[in-house]
Amino acid sequence: MAVGLGMTDELLPIAGLTAGVACAGIKHSGRRDLVIFEISPGSTVGAVFTKNAFCAAPVEVSKRHLAASEAIRFLIINTGNANAGTGRQGLDDAVETCNRLAAIKSVEPEQVLPFSTGVIGEYLPMTALVNGIPNALATLAGDNWLDAAQGIMTTDTRAKGASQQFEYSDETITVTGIAKGSGMIKPNMATMLAFVATDARVSAALIQKITEQAVNASFNRITVDSDTSTNDSCVLIATGRSNAPVVDSEEHPLFRYLLKTVKEVMLSLAHQIIRDGEGASKFIEVKVESAATVTEALNVAYSVADSPLFKTAMSASDANWGRILMAVGKADVDALDVSKVHVFLGDVCIVENGQRASAYTEVQGAAVVERDEIKVTIQLNRGEVSESVWTSDLSHEYVRINAEYRS
């Protein structure tokens, strides 16, 4: 199940970046499950990772390598196995993965970042993974973004990708990205896995700031099931192959155009994840308006978006607006005056001044929640801050998928 259209953009190549894909047989034979990105020398890389205390071995190794080297040359991603909850052996396997690829390509192991996704608590099948590396390298090409998007999928039902371009000083700058994620999604940094690249020239100091700001406006605004993965990782690569001037400060004129475009690409990917949420039949925006702070707005938005009662009502197309009020009321908000709260389903006012709107009818609410795409707007009337969170419904299919996940 999935909501609306999937990927609609042509995935444009990024000069200075190639991708290779192989069927390594890590969990299932005959499916793409190993992806390698080769990054040209001189590129800069930013990344953010899960805040889950049980972070996976590849997350730990990637953090170390980013701290040790400013010249990242390769990313290697496997699906079918998360290499999480695997202790010392898991760390050794992640390091060995980097060592093997580095030896083949004559780079330092610290110039390789590993990523994994799949079942937690199982050791990597290293023989299959290592044997798949040459096959993935043999397919390296600049136009392999779609194959790479398919190669990082797990329970996803469709590939996720986005591309945008903009003009600056007679130069065309391109941003392209792919992501995977369908369940265990409440990122608290990024999504399950996301890889975004641009041909812009960005200083090493600024690439991390762009990554963090874009992630906070996109992947940190989605939830499928309120669970933060052990493997969440988002990488932004700037190859510098564009002839536009180098972006080396937030005051640079190019900075805001590049940040805007990276945000838009990441937000597209984040929305595609929600549309393909496990068992999803609804794409839901929860917008909180007139909050006092960003934190307050997000606390209320996530309280609604993560509520199983709200999400199951949406799955059944049941306009049970009392569940929205319940979720707003339990949110961490200091001294909320409920008599000032207004709630809308689409453009239908269902709650005004903390109680059922006088003009509201069940027929009006039912017409909104029958749609595939639903917007809930909550007005707190205590400030000027607005924030949105995107989520999916909670369906019988979600339960089936996760009950049978290891079958």
Protein backbone atom coordinates (compact mmCIF):
# COMPACT_ATOMS: atom_id res chain seq x y z
CA MET A 1 0.00 0.00 0.00
CA ALA A 2 1.14 3.54 -0.72
CA VAL A 3 -0.54 6.92 -1.05
CA GLY A 4 -0.53 9.04 -4.20
CA LEU A 5 2.18 9.22 -6.78
CA GLY A 6 5.64 7.91 -6.06
CA MET A 7 8.82 9.43 -7.37
CA THR A 8 8.03 11.88 -10.18
CA ASP A 9 11.42 13.53 -10.81
CA GLU A 10 13.99 12.39 -13.32
CA LEU A 11 17.03 11.62 -11.18
CA LEU A 12 19.70 13.84 -12.66
CA PRO A 13 23.37 12.83 -12.50
CA ILE A 14 25.78 14.79 -10.31
CA ALA A 15 29.19 15.43 -11.86
CA GLY A 16 31.86 13.86 -9.69
CA LEU A 17 29.62 11.11 -8.26
CA THR A 18 28.95 7.59 -9.54
CA ALA A 19 26.91 4.72 -8.14
CA GLY A 20 27.19 0.97 -8.53
CA VAL A 21 24.67 -1.70 -7.55
CA ALA A 22 24.91 -5.46 -7.10
CA CYS A 23 22.86 -8.47 -6.03
CA ALA A 24 25.08 -9.84 -3.25
CA GLY A 25 22.57 -12.25 -1.70
CA ILE A 26 22.84 -10.69 1.77
CA LYS A 27 19.34 -11.82 2.74
CA HIS A 28 17.56 -12.85 -0.45
CA SER A 29 19.11 -13.98 -3.71
CA GLY A 30 18.35 -12.15 -6.90
CA ARG A 31 17.59 -8.70 -5.45
CA ARG A 32 19.72 -5.58 -5.42
CA ASP A 33 21.13 -5.24 -1.92
CA LEU A 34 24.58 -3.64 -2.20
CA VAL A 35 25.18 -0.06 -3.34
CA ILE A 36 28.48 1.81 -3.63
CA PHE A 37 28.91 5.53 -4.29
CA GLU A 38 32.28 6.77 -5.51
CA ILE A 39 32.95 10.41 -4.63
CA SER A 40 35.49 12.45 -6.58
CA PRO A 41 38.53 13.94 -4.81
CA GLY A 42 37.96 17.44 -3.44
CA SER A 43 34.35 16.81 -2.47
CA THR A 44 32.99 17.77 0.94
CA VAL A 45 30.64 15.61 3.00
CA GLY A 46 28.19 16.35 5.82
CA ALA A 47 26.22 13.75 7.75
CA VAL A 48 23.81 13.28 10.63
CA PHE A 49 23.00 10.04 12.41
CA THR A 50 20.50 8.41 14.72
CA LYS A 51 20.38 9.41 18.37
CA ASN A 52 19.29 5.92 19.36
CA ALA A 53 21.65 4.63 22.10
CA PHE A 54 21.72 1.22 20.38
CA CYS A 55 23.14 2.76 17.22
CA ALA A 56 24.34 0.27 14.66
CA ALA A 57 27.99 -0.64 14.10
CA PRO A 58 28.18 1.14 10.71
CA VAL A 59 26.90 4.33 12.34
CA GLU A 60 29.72 4.19 14.88
CA VAL A 61 32.31 3.49 12.20
CA SER A 62 31.01 6.23 9.90
CA LYS A 63 31.22 8.76 12.72
CA ARG A 64 34.82 7.74 13.41
CA HIS A 65 35.81 7.95 9.77
CA LEU A 66 34.20 11.36 9.29
CA ALA A 67 36.17 12.62 12.29
CA ALA A 68 39.40 11.12 10.95
CA SER A 69 39.21 12.17 7.30
CA GLU A 70 37.97 15.20 5.37
CA ALA A 71 38.44 13.32 2.10
CA ILE A 72 35.62 10.76 2.02
CA ARG A 73 35.79 8.83 -1.25
CA PHE A 74 33.25 5.99 -0.96
CA LEU A 75 29.93 5.07 0.62
CA ILE A 76 28.97 1.40 0.84
CA ILE A 77 25.40 0.45 1.73
CA ASN A 78 23.94 -2.99 2.31
CA THR A 79 20.31 -3.95 2.86
CA GLY A 80 18.88 -7.09 4.43
CA ASN A 81 20.94 -6.78 7.61
CA ALA A 82 21.20 -3.78 9.97
CA ASN A 83 24.43 -4.91 11.70
CA ALA A 84 22.92 -3.48 14.90
CA GLY A 85 23.00 -5.13 18.31
CA THR A 86 25.99 -7.15 17.11
CA GLY A 87 28.66 -6.02 19.58
CA ARG A 88 32.37 -6.26 18.82
CA GLN A 89 31.88 -8.56 15.85
CA GLY A 90 29.53 -6.06 14.26
CA LEU A 91 32.11 -3.30 14.60
CA ASP A 92 34.82 -5.57 13.22
CA ASP A 93 32.60 -6.46 10.26
CA ALA A 94 31.84 -2.81 9.48
CA VAL A 95 35.57 -1.99 9.62
CA GLU A 96 36.41 -5.01 7.47
CA THR A 97 33.85 -3.89 4.88
CA CYS A 98 35.66 -0.56 4.63
CA ASN A 99 39.07 -2.26 4.53
CA ARG A 100 38.07 -4.52 1.63
CA LEU A 101 36.67 -1.71 -0.48
CA ALA A 102 39.60 0.57 0.35
CA ALA A 103 42.11 -2.07 -0.68
CA ILE A 104 40.44 -2.57 -4.05
CA LYS A 105 40.30 1.16 -4.78
CA SER A 106 43.66 2.13 -3.20
CA VAL A 107 42.27 4.57 -0.66
CA GLU A 108 42.52 4.71 3.12
CA PRO A 109 39.83 2.76 5.05
CA GLU A 110 38.88 6.00 6.83
CA GLN A 111 37.83 7.39 3.44
CA VAL A 112 34.99 4.85 3.29
CA LEU A 113 31.68 5.24 5.12
CA PRO A 114 29.58 2.08 5.70
CA PHE A 115 25.79 1.94 6.04
CA SER A 116 23.45 -0.97 6.74
CA THR A 117 19.70 -1.49 7.01
CA GLY A 118 17.53 -4.53 7.68
CA VAL A 119 17.02 -6.96 10.52
CA ILE A 120 18.57 -6.02 13.89
CA GLY A 121 20.63 -8.49 15.92
CA GLU A 122 22.06 -10.66 13.16
CA TYR A 123 25.69 -10.71 12.01
CA LEU A 124 26.54 -9.56 8.52
CA PRO A 125 27.06 -12.38 6.02
CA MET A 126 30.53 -11.11 5.25
CA THR A 127 31.38 -13.60 2.51
CA ALA A 128 28.36 -12.53 0.45
CA LEU A 129 28.97 -8.84 1.11
CA VAL A 130 32.67 -8.93 0.28
CA ASN A 131 32.07 -10.98 -2.86
CA GLY A 132 29.50 -8.43 -3.98
CA ILE A 133 31.87 -5.44 -3.81
CA PRO A 134 33.63 -6.03 -7.17
CA ASN A 135 30.25 -6.57 -8.85
CA ALA A 136 28.94 -3.25 -7.53
CA LEU A 137 32.13 -1.45 -8.54
CA ALA A 138 31.84 -2.86 -12.05
CA THR A 139 28.55 -1.00 -12.55
CA LEU A 140 29.68 2.45 -11.33
CA ALA A 141 27.99 5.10 -13.46
CA GLY A 142 26.72 8.65 -13.11
CA ASP A 143 23.18 7.77 -14.19
CA ASN A 144 22.68 4.92 -11.70
CA TRP A 145 20.60 6.87 -9.17
CA LEU A 146 17.40 4.91 -9.81
CA ASP A 147 19.16 1.55 -9.48
CA ALA A 148 20.76 2.81 -6.27
CA ALA A 149 17.36 3.91 -4.94
CA GLN A 150 16.03 0.41 -5.59
CA GLY A 151 19.14 -1.17 -4.09
CA ILE A 152 18.67 0.43 -0.66
CA MET A 153 15.00 -0.61 -0.25
CA THR A 154 13.82 -3.00 2.49
CA THR A 155 10.07 -2.98 3.26
CA ASP A 156 9.64 -0.03 0.90
CA THR A 157 7.17 -0.72 -1.89
CA ARG A 158 8.71 1.81 -4.25
CA ALA A 159 11.96 3.65 -4.80
CA LYS A 160 12.32 7.20 -3.47
CA GLY A 161 14.25 9.93 -5.24
CA ALA A 162 14.19 13.63 -6.09
CA SER A 163 16.13 16.11 -8.22
CA GLN A 164 16.10 19.87 -8.60
CA GLN A 165 18.16 22.44 -10.45
CA PHE A 166 18.58 26.20 -10.17
CA GLU A 167 20.56 28.87 -11.97
CA TYR A 168 23.18 31.06 -10.33
CA SER A 169 25.56 33.38 -12.21
CA ASP A 170 24.87 31.59 -15.49
CA GLU A 171 25.68 28.23 -13.88
CA THR A 172 23.19 25.39 -13.46
CA ILE A 173 23.48 23.73 -10.04
CA THR A 174 21.93 20.31 -9.50
CA VAL A 175 20.79 18.55 -6.32
CA THR A 176 19.78 14.87 -6.43
CA GLY A 177 18.94 12.49 -3.62
CA ILE A 178 17.54 9.08 -2.75
CA ALA A 179 16.15 7.66 0.46
CA LYS A 180 14.72 4.50 1.92
CA GLY A 181 12.35 4.08 4.81
CA SER A 182 8.88 2.75 5.39
CA GLY A 183 8.70 1.62 9.02
CA MET A 184 10.60 2.34 12.25
CA ILE A 185 10.34 5.98 11.25
CA LYS A 186 10.56 8.85 13.68
CA PRO A 187 13.99 9.97 12.72
CA ASN A 188 15.20 12.32 15.46
CA MET A 189 17.86 13.27 12.90
CA ALA A 190 17.14 11.92 9.45
CA THR A 191 15.40 8.91 8.07
CA MET A 192 16.37 5.29 7.81
CA LEU A 193 18.89 6.13 5.07
CA ALA A 194 19.21 9.14 2.78
CA PHE A 195 21.95 10.15 0.34
CA VAL A 196 21.85 13.58 -1.31
CA ALA A 197 24.45 15.18 -3.56
CA THR A 198 25.07 18.45 -5.36
CA ASP A 199 27.67 19.65 -7.82
CA ALA A 200 27.95 22.95 -5.92
CA ARG A 201 31.23 23.86 -4.25
CA VAL A 202 30.77 24.01 -0.48
CA SER A 203 33.42 24.43 2.20
CA ALA A 204 33.98 21.61 4.68
CA ALA A 205 32.86 23.84 7.54
CA LEU A 206 29.58 24.80 5.88
CA ILE A 207 28.47 21.44 4.44
CA GLN A 208 27.60 20.16 7.91
CA LYS A 209 25.50 23.24 8.68
CA ILE A 210 23.55 22.84 5.44
CA THR A 211 23.01 19.16 6.21
CA GLU A 212 21.69 19.80 9.71
CA GLN A 213 19.44 22.69 8.70
CA ALA A 214 17.94 20.79 5.76
CA VAL A 215 17.40 17.63 7.83
CA ASN A 216 15.64 19.57 10.58
CA ALA A 217 13.21 21.00 8.02
CA SER A 218 12.45 17.66 6.39
CA PHE A 219 13.39 14.27 7.82
CA ASN A 220 12.99 15.59 11.36
CA ARG A 221 9.37 16.40 10.62
CA ILE A 222 8.03 12.93 9.80
CA THR A 223 6.78 9.91 11.73
CA VAL A 224 5.26 6.59 10.70
CA ASP A 225 5.24 4.74 14.01
CA SER A 226 7.16 6.91 16.52
CA ASP A 227 10.13 4.50 16.54
CA THR A 228 13.64 5.89 15.98
CA SER A 229 15.81 3.42 14.07
CA THR A 230 19.22 2.20 15.19
CA ASN A 231 20.60 2.94 11.72
CA ASP A 232 19.28 6.38 10.74
CA SER A 233 21.81 8.17 8.54
CA CYS A 234 21.64 11.11 6.15
CA VAL A 235 24.61 12.17 4.02
CA LEU A 236 25.04 15.31 1.92
CA ILE A 237 27.84 15.39 -0.64
CA ALA A 238 29.10 18.47 -2.52
CA THR A 239 31.35 17.44 -5.39
CA GLY A 240 32.36 20.99 -6.37
CA ARG A 241 32.18 20.26 -10.10
CA SER A 242 30.01 23.31 -10.79
CA ASN A 243 31.81 26.47 -11.89
CA ALA A 244 29.76 28.57 -9.47
CA PRO A 245 31.74 30.23 -6.66
CA VAL A 246 32.51 28.24 -3.53
CA VAL A 247 29.95 28.63 -0.73
CA ASP A 248 32.06 29.28 2.34
CA SER A 249 29.77 31.24 4.65
CA GLU A 250 26.09 31.65 5.46
CA GLU A 251 26.38 35.23 4.20
CA HIS A 252 27.43 34.09 0.73
CA PRO A 253 24.70 35.01 -1.80
CA LEU A 254 24.57 31.43 -3.09
CA PHE A 255 24.03 29.94 0.36
CA ARG A 256 20.30 30.59 0.65
CA TYR A 257 19.57 29.29 -2.85
CA LEU A 258 21.51 26.10 -2.22
CA LEU A 259 20.01 25.57 1.24
CA LYS A 260 16.49 26.11 -0.13
CA THR A 261 17.02 23.55 -2.89
CA VAL A 262 18.59 20.94 -0.61
CA LYS A 263 15.68 21.41 1.81
CA GLU A 264 13.17 20.95 -1.00
CA VAL A 265 14.85 17.75 -2.21
CA MET A 266 15.02 16.34 1.32
CA LEU A 267 11.41 17.32 2.04
CA SER A 268 10.30 15.56 -1.14
CA LEU A 269 12.15 12.43 0.00
CA ALA A 270 10.63 12.71 3.49
CA HIS A 271 7.13 12.99 2.03
CA GLN A 272 7.77 9.98 -0.20
CA ILE A 273 8.69 8.00 2.90
CA ILE A 274 5.39 8.89 4.57
CA ARG A 275 3.42 8.13 1.42
CA ASP A 276 5.08 4.70 1.42
CA GLY A 277 4.78 4.15 5.17
CA GLU A 278 4.16 0.54 6.09
CA GLY A 279 0.49 -0.17 5.43
CA ALA A 280 -0.23 3.48 4.70
CA SER A 281 -3.50 4.50 3.05
CA LYS A 282 -3.43 8.14 4.18
CA PHE A 283 -0.90 10.98 3.90
CA ILE A 284 -1.53 13.30 6.83
CA GLU A 285 -0.16 16.74 7.65
CA VAL A 286 -0.52 17.91 11.25
CA LYS A 287 0.08 21.66 11.37
CA VAL A 288 0.29 23.58 14.64
CA GLU A 289 -0.19 27.33 14.34
CA SER A 290 0.21 30.23 16.78
CA ALA A 291 2.43 28.32 19.18
CA ALA A 292 4.77 30.10 21.58
CA THR A 293 7.92 28.18 20.52
CA VAL A 294 9.10 25.68 17.91
CA THR A 295 9.48 23.03 20.60
CA GLU A 296 5.93 23.59 21.81
CA ALA A 297 4.55 23.39 18.27
CA LEU A 298 6.41 20.16 17.55
CA ASN A 299 5.39 18.63 20.88
CA VAL A 300 1.74 19.14 19.98
CA ALA A 301 2.15 18.07 16.35
CA TYR A 302 3.97 14.85 17.24
CA SER A 303 1.55 14.10 20.06
CA VAL A 304 -1.23 13.95 17.47
CA ALA A 305 0.82 12.40 14.65
CA ASP A 306 2.13 9.59 16.89
CA SER A 307 -1.19 8.78 18.56
CA PRO A 308 -2.31 5.22 17.68
CA LEU A 309 -5.90 6.21 18.43
CA PHE A 310 -5.77 9.15 16.02
CA LYS A 311 -3.97 7.13 13.36
CA THR A 312 -6.37 4.18 13.51
CA ALA A 313 -9.34 6.55 13.28
CA MET A 314 -7.82 8.05 10.12
CA SER A 315 -7.29 4.55 8.73
CA ALA A 316 -11.01 3.86 9.20
CA SER A 317 -11.97 7.30 7.79
CA ASP A 318 -13.59 8.02 11.15
CA ALA A 319 -13.83 11.73 12.02
CA ASN A 320 -13.38 11.00 15.74
CA TRP A 321 -12.06 14.46 16.56
CA GLY A 322 -12.05 13.75 20.30
CA ARG A 323 -8.85 11.79 19.70
CA ILE A 324 -7.21 14.94 18.34
CA LEU A 325 -8.21 16.89 21.43
CA MET A 326 -6.90 14.11 23.66
CA ALA A 327 -3.53 14.16 21.92
CA VAL A 328 -3.27 17.96 22.06
CA GLY A 329 -4.11 17.91 25.73
CA LYS A 330 -1.46 15.35 26.66
CA ALA A 331 1.33 17.19 24.82
CA ASP A 332 4.14 18.79 26.79
CA VAL A 333 2.94 22.40 26.74
CA ASP A 334 3.27 24.69 29.71
CA ALA A 335 -0.09 25.98 30.99
CA LEU A 336 -2.06 25.42 27.78
CA ASP A 337 -5.32 27.40 27.81
CA VAL A 338 -7.62 24.95 26.04
CA SER A 339 -10.36 27.58 25.78
CA LYS A 340 -8.27 29.27 23.08
CA VAL A 341 -7.65 26.15 20.97
CA HIS A 342 -9.20 25.80 17.51
CA VAL A 343 -8.94 22.66 15.34
CA PHE A 344 -9.64 22.20 11.64
CA LEU A 345 -9.99 19.09 9.48
CA GLY A 346 -9.10 20.40 6.06
CA ASP A 347 -10.98 23.70 5.92
CA VAL A 348 -13.72 22.47 8.27
CA CYS A 349 -13.63 23.96 11.77
CA ILE A 350 -14.36 21.10 14.17
CA VAL A 351 -13.30 22.75 17.44
CA GLU A 352 -13.49 26.41 18.42
CA ASN A 353 -12.54 27.80 21.79
CA GLY A 354 -11.82 24.32 23.09
CA GLN A 355 -15.21 22.78 22.28
CA ARG A 356 -17.20 21.43 19.36
CA ALA A 357 -17.66 24.14 16.75
CA SER A 358 -21.28 25.29 16.62
CA ALA A 359 -21.53 24.87 12.85
CA TYR A 360 -19.74 21.53 12.66
CA THR A 361 -21.52 18.42 11.41
CA GLU A 362 -20.31 14.83 11.28
CA VAL A 363 -21.00 14.79 7.55
CA GLN A 364 -18.46 17.59 7.06
CA GLY A 365 -15.77 15.78 9.04
CA ALA A 366 -16.43 12.44 7.34
CA ALA A 367 -15.99 14.04 3.91
CA VAL A 368 -12.49 15.21 4.86
CA VAL A 369 -11.19 11.98 6.44
CA GLU A 370 -12.37 9.86 3.51
CA ARG A 371 -9.67 11.51 1.40
CA ASP A 372 -6.25 9.97 0.82
CA GLU A 373 -4.60 13.24 1.88
CA ILE A 374 -5.71 14.92 5.10
CA LYS A 375 -4.62 18.12 6.81
CA VAL A 376 -5.21 18.73 10.51
CA THR A 377 -4.63 22.30 11.68
CA ILE A 378 -4.38 23.10 15.39
CA GLN A 379 -4.38 26.74 16.46
CA LEU A 380 -3.06 27.27 19.99
CA ASN A 381 -3.41 31.08 19.93
CA ARG A 382 -0.47 31.71 22.26
CA GLY A 383 2.30 32.87 19.92
CA GLU A 384 3.43 33.26 16.31
CA VAL A 385 5.24 29.98 15.58
CA SER A 386 3.93 27.44 13.05
CA GLU A 387 5.33 23.95 12.39
CA SER A 388 4.16 20.94 10.40
CA VAL A 389 4.71 17.22 10.88
CA TRP A 390 3.76 14.58 8.33
CA THR A 391 2.51 11.10 9.19
CA SER A 392 0.52 8.14 7.88
CA ASP A 393 -2.41 6.20 9.25
CA LEU A 394 -2.10 2.97 11.26
CA SER A 395 -3.75 0.10 9.40
CA HIS A 396 -4.27 -3.65 9.61
CA GLU A 397 -1.60 -3.94 6.91
CA TYR A 398 0.98 -2.25 9.15
CA VAL A 399 0.39 -4.92 11.78
CA ARG A 400 0.66 -7.70 9.17
CA ILE A 401 3.90 -6.36 7.70
CA ASN A 402 5.61 -6.11 11.07
CA ALA A 403 4.19 -9.38 12.41
CA GLU A 404 5.69 -11.14 9.40
CA TYR A 405 8.87 -9.03 9.14
CA ARG A 406 11.28 -11.91 9.84
CA SER A 407 9.20 -14.61 8.17
